[in-house]
Amino acid sequence: MKCEICSGAIQETFLKKLIGTVVKDAKGKKHKICSQCQKKFPAKEEAIAKL
């Protein structure tokens, strides 16, 4: 899987869970974000603005 902000690879655990987060926008669409981008943009609104 790729991060939708930086297009980098998102790491997964051995159970195929993401090491990062999933953010919903106003329309309800889910966006996958890596842990590095999650650290850069801690607020949900900041992360959605970068998409």
PDB file of N, CA and C in Angstrom:
ATOM      1  N   MET A   1       0.833  -1.171   0.000  1.00  0.00           N
ATOM      2  CA  MET A   1       0.000   0.000   0.000  1.00  0.00           C
ATOM      3  C   MET A   1       0.882   1.240   0.000  1.00  0.00           C
ATOM      4  N   LYS A   2       0.358   2.325  -0.537  1.00  0.00           N
ATOM      5  CA  LYS A   2       1.105   3.574  -0.598  1.00  0.00           C
ATOM      6  C   LYS A   2       0.373   4.666   0.157  1.00  0.00           C
ATOM      7  N   CYS A   3       1.164   5.548   0.733  1.00  0.00           N
ATOM      8  CA  CYS A   3       0.636   6.721   1.423  1.00  0.00           C
ATOM      9  C   CYS A   3       0.081   7.679   0.373  1.00  0.00           C
ATOM     10  N   GLU A   4      -1.059   8.275   0.657  1.00  0.00           N
ATOM     11  CA  GLU A   4      -1.685   9.172  -0.314  1.00  0.00           C
ATOM     12  C   GLU A   4      -1.116  10.584  -0.257  1.00  0.00           C
ATOM     13  N   ILE A   5      -0.294  10.888   0.749  1.00  0.00           N
ATOM     14  CA  ILE A   5       0.331  12.218   0.833  1.00  0.00           C
ATOM     15  C   ILE A   5       1.720  12.191   0.189  1.00  0.00           C
ATOM     16  N   CYS A   6       2.578  11.264   0.636  1.00  0.00           N
ATOM     17  CA  CYS A   6       3.961  11.250   0.163  1.00  0.00           C
ATOM     18  C   CYS A   6       4.240  10.156  -0.870  1.00  0.00           C
ATOM     19  N   SER A   7       3.298   9.293  -1.145  1.00  0.00           N
ATOM     20  CA  SER A   7       3.422   8.176  -2.094  1.00  0.00           C
ATOM     21  C   SER A   7       4.484   7.162  -1.687  1.00  0.00           C
ATOM     22  N   GLY A   8       4.858   7.162  -0.407  1.00  0.00           N
ATOM     23  CA  GLY A   8       5.798   6.175   0.109  1.00  0.00           C
ATOM     24  C   GLY A   8       5.066   4.914   0.521  1.00  0.00           C
ATOM     25  N   ALA A   9       5.794   3.845   0.675  1.00  0.00           N
ATOM     26  CA  ALA A   9       5.190   2.574   1.071  1.00  0.00           C
ATOM     27  C   ALA A   9       4.796   2.605   2.550  1.00  0.00           C
ATOM     28  N   ILE A  10       3.621   2.068   2.845  1.00  0.00           N
ATOM     29  CA  ILE A  10       3.156   1.971   4.221  1.00  0.00           C
ATOM     30  C   ILE A  10       3.507   0.586   4.733  1.00  0.00           C
ATOM     31  N   GLN A  11       4.159   0.544   5.888  1.00  0.00           N
ATOM     32  CA  GLN A  11       4.534  -0.738   6.467  1.00  0.00           C
ATOM     33  C   GLN A  11       3.309  -1.423   7.055  1.00  0.00           C
ATOM     34  N   GLU A  12       3.364  -2.763   7.094  1.00  0.00           N
ATOM     35  CA  GLU A  12       2.277  -3.553   7.653  1.00  0.00           C
ATOM     36  C   GLU A  12       2.829  -4.503   8.696  1.00  0.00           C
ATOM     37  N   THR A  13       1.984  -4.893   9.654  1.00  0.00           N
ATOM     38  CA  THR A  13       2.367  -5.901  10.631  1.00  0.00           C
ATOM     39  C   THR A  13       2.216  -7.269   9.993  1.00  0.00           C
ATOM     40  N   PHE A  14       2.559  -8.317  10.725  1.00  0.00           N
ATOM     41  CA  PHE A  14       2.450  -9.654  10.165  1.00  0.00           C
ATOM     42  C   PHE A  14       0.991 -10.081   9.977  1.00  0.00           C
ATOM     43  N   LEU A  15       0.061  -9.375  10.593  1.00  0.00           N
ATOM     44  CA  LEU A  15      -1.367  -9.654  10.411  1.00  0.00           C
ATOM     45  C   LEU A  15      -1.994  -8.742   9.355  1.00  0.00           C
ATOM     46  N   LYS A  16      -1.148  -8.055   8.567  1.00  0.00           N
ATOM     47  CA  LYS A  16      -1.548  -7.170   7.471  1.00  0.00           C
ATOM     48  C   LYS A  16      -2.306  -5.933   7.938  1.00  0.00           C
ATOM     49  N   LYS A  17      -2.002  -5.468   9.166  1.00  0.00           N
ATOM     50  CA  LYS A  17      -2.567  -4.214   9.648  1.00  0.00           C
ATOM     51  C   LYS A  17      -1.591  -3.089   9.311  1.00  0.00           C
ATOM     52  N   LEU A  18      -2.131  -1.909   9.006  1.00  0.00           N
ATOM     53  CA  LEU A  18      -1.303  -0.772   8.631  1.00  0.00           C
ATOM     54  C   LEU A  18      -0.588  -0.182   9.834  1.00  0.00           C
ATOM     55  N   ILE A  19       0.667   0.226   9.617  1.00  0.00           N
ATOM     56  CA  ILE A  19       1.381   1.012  10.617  1.00  0.00           C
ATOM     57  C   ILE A  19       1.237   2.452  10.142  1.00  0.00           C
ATOM     58  N   GLY A  20       0.188   3.083  10.570  1.00  0.00           N
ATOM     59  CA  GLY A  20      -0.189   4.424  10.143  1.00  0.00           C
ATOM     60  C   GLY A  20      -1.627   4.646  10.551  1.00  0.00           C
ATOM     61  N   THR A  21      -2.367   5.378   9.734  1.00  0.00           N
ATOM     62  CA  THR A  21      -3.759   5.660  10.069  1.00  0.00           C
ATOM     63  C   THR A  21      -4.598   5.769   8.808  1.00  0.00           C
ATOM     64  N   VAL A  22      -5.893   5.750   9.015  1.00  0.00           N
ATOM     65  CA  VAL A  22      -6.857   5.957   7.944  1.00  0.00           C
ATOM     66  C   VAL A  22      -7.703   7.154   8.335  1.00  0.00           C
ATOM     67  N   VAL A  23      -7.822   8.135   7.412  1.00  0.00           N
ATOM     68  CA  VAL A  23      -8.553   9.365   7.677  1.00  0.00           C
ATOM     69  C   VAL A  23      -9.705   9.473   6.693  1.00  0.00           C
ATOM     70  N   LYS A  24     -10.888   9.842   7.189  1.00  0.00           N
ATOM     71  CA  LYS A  24     -12.038  10.069   6.321  1.00  0.00           C
ATOM     72  C   LYS A  24     -12.163  11.555   6.019  1.00  0.00           C
ATOM     73  N   ASP A  25     -12.468  11.877   4.757  1.00  0.00           N
ATOM     74  CA  ASP A  25     -12.702  13.273   4.406  1.00  0.00           C
ATOM     75  C   ASP A  25     -14.186  13.599   4.590  1.00  0.00           C
ATOM     76  N   ALA A  26     -14.606  14.776   4.169  1.00  0.00           N
ATOM     77  CA  ALA A  26     -15.985  15.222   4.371  1.00  0.00           C
ATOM     78  C   ALA A  26     -16.988  14.374   3.590  1.00  0.00           C
ATOM     79  N   LYS A  27     -16.558  13.811   2.474  1.00  0.00           N
ATOM     80  CA  LYS A  27     -17.451  12.983   1.659  1.00  0.00           C
ATOM     81  C   LYS A  27     -17.527  11.550   2.155  1.00  0.00           C
ATOM     82  N   GLY A  28     -16.672  11.177   3.117  1.00  0.00           N
ATOM     83  CA  GLY A  28     -16.674   9.824   3.665  1.00  0.00           C
ATOM     84  C   GLY A  28     -15.671   8.892   3.021  1.00  0.00           C
ATOM     85  N   LYS A  29     -14.842   9.397   2.102  1.00  0.00           N
ATOM     86  CA  LYS A  29     -13.832   8.564   1.454  1.00  0.00           C
ATOM     87  C   LYS A  29     -12.653   8.367   2.401  1.00  0.00           C
ATOM     88  N   LYS A  30     -12.135   7.149   2.461  1.00  0.00           N
ATOM     89  CA  LYS A  30     -11.023   6.825   3.348  1.00  0.00           C
ATOM     90  C   LYS A  30      -9.692   7.031   2.633  1.00  0.00           C
ATOM     91  N   HIS A  31      -8.742   7.641   3.340  1.00  0.00           N
ATOM     92  CA  HIS A  31      -7.401   7.885   2.815  1.00  0.00           C
ATOM     93  C   HIS A  31      -6.400   7.261   3.776  1.00  0.00           C
ATOM     94  N   LYS A  32      -5.446   6.498   3.246  1.00  0.00           N
ATOM     95  CA  LYS A  32      -4.427   5.839   4.055  1.00  0.00           C
ATOM     96  C   LYS A  32      -3.200   6.726   4.153  1.00  0.00           C
ATOM     97  N   ILE A  33      -2.695   6.898   5.389  1.00  0.00           N
ATOM     98  CA  ILE A  33      -1.562   7.789   5.640  1.00  0.00           C
ATOM     99  C   ILE A  33      -0.501   7.031   6.426  1.00  0.00           C
ATOM    100  N   CYS A  34       0.773   7.172   6.032  1.00  0.00           N
ATOM    101  CA  CYS A  34       1.870   6.484   6.715  1.00  0.00           C
ATOM    102  C   CYS A  34       2.174   7.157   8.056  1.00  0.00           C
ATOM    103  N   SER A  35       2.962   6.499   8.865  1.00  0.00           N
ATOM    104  CA  SER A  35       3.263   7.021  10.204  1.00  0.00           C
ATOM    105  C   SER A  35       4.127   8.283  10.148  1.00  0.00           C
ATOM    106  N   GLN A  36       4.991   8.425   9.133  1.00  0.00           N
ATOM    107  CA  GLN A  36       5.817   9.626   9.022  1.00  0.00           C
ATOM    108  C   GLN A  36       4.953  10.851   8.712  1.00  0.00           C
ATOM    109  N   CYS A  37       3.993  10.712   7.821  1.00  0.00           N
ATOM    110  CA  CYS A  37       3.098  11.825   7.499  1.00  0.00           C
ATOM    111  C   CYS A  37       2.148  12.102   8.663  1.00  0.00           C
ATOM    112  N   GLN A  38       1.819  11.080   9.404  1.00  0.00           N
ATOM    113  CA  GLN A  38       0.973  11.253  10.580  1.00  0.00           C
ATOM    114  C   GLN A  38       1.697  12.105  11.629  1.00  0.00           C
ATOM    115  N   LYS A  39       3.026  11.937  11.744  1.00  0.00           N
ATOM    116  CA  LYS A  39       3.815  12.748  12.670  1.00  0.00           C
ATOM    117  C   LYS A  39       3.919  14.193  12.183  1.00  0.00           C
ATOM    118  N   LYS A  40       4.043  14.398  10.855  1.00  0.00           N
ATOM    119  CA  LYS A  40       4.159  15.738  10.299  1.00  0.00           C
ATOM    120  C   LYS A  40       2.856  16.521  10.435  1.00  0.00           C
ATOM    121  N   PHE A  41       1.718  15.834  10.235  1.00  0.00           N
ATOM    122  CA  PHE A  41       0.405  16.471  10.260  1.00  0.00           C
ATOM    123  C   PHE A  41      -0.476  15.786  11.303  1.00  0.00           C
ATOM    124  N   PRO A  42      -0.323  16.141  12.599  1.00  0.00           N
ATOM    125  CA  PRO A  42      -1.060  15.442  13.655  1.00  0.00           C
ATOM    126  C   PRO A  42      -2.571  15.702  13.630  1.00  0.00           C
ATOM    127  N   ALA A  43      -3.003  16.857  13.120  1.00  0.00           N
ATOM    128  CA  ALA A  43      -4.429  17.165  13.068  1.00  0.00           C
ATOM    129  C   ALA A  43      -5.034  16.580  11.791  1.00  0.00           C
ATOM    130  N   LYS A  44      -6.245  16.101  11.898  1.00  0.00           N
ATOM    131  CA  LYS A  44      -6.936  15.502  10.763  1.00  0.00           C
ATOM    132  C   LYS A  44      -7.121  16.521   9.635  1.00  0.00           C
ATOM    133  N   GLU A  45      -7.417  17.760   9.986  1.00  0.00           N
ATOM    134  CA  GLU A  45      -7.663  18.798   8.983  1.00  0.00           C
ATOM    135  C   GLU A  45      -6.401  19.109   8.192  1.00  0.00           C
ATOM    136  N   GLU A  46      -5.235  19.091   8.858  1.00  0.00           N
ATOM    137  CA  GLU A  46      -3.966  19.347   8.171  1.00  0.00           C
ATOM    138  C   GLU A  46      -3.671  18.246   7.166  1.00  0.00           C
ATOM    139  N   ALA A  47      -3.910  16.994   7.550  1.00  0.00           N
ATOM    140  CA  ALA A  47      -3.648  15.865   6.660  1.00  0.00           C
ATOM    141  C   ALA A  47      -4.571  15.896   5.446  1.00  0.00           C
ATOM    142  N   ILE A  48      -5.834  16.227   5.657  1.00  0.00           N
ATOM    143  CA  ILE A  48      -6.784  16.282   4.548  1.00  0.00           C
ATOM    144  C   ILE A  48      -6.436  17.428   3.608  1.00  0.00           C
ATOM    145  N   ALA A  49      -5.930  18.541   4.146  1.00  0.00           N
ATOM    146  CA  ALA A  49      -5.554  19.681   3.302  1.00  0.00           C
ATOM    147  C   ALA A  49      -4.402  19.317   2.372  1.00  0.00           C
ATOM    148  N   LYS A  50      -3.489  18.436   2.811  1.00  0.00           N
ATOM    149  CA  LYS A  50      -2.349  18.032   1.977  1.00  0.00           C
ATOM    150  C   LYS A  50      -2.740  17.043   0.885  1.00  0.00           C
ATOM    151  N   LEU A  51      -3.904  16.412   1.003  1.00  0.00           N
ATOM    152  CA  LEU A  51      -4.351  15.481  -0.035  1.00  0.00           C
ATOM    153  C   LEU A  51      -4.768  16.272  -1.232  1.00  0.00           C
TER     154      LEU A  51
END
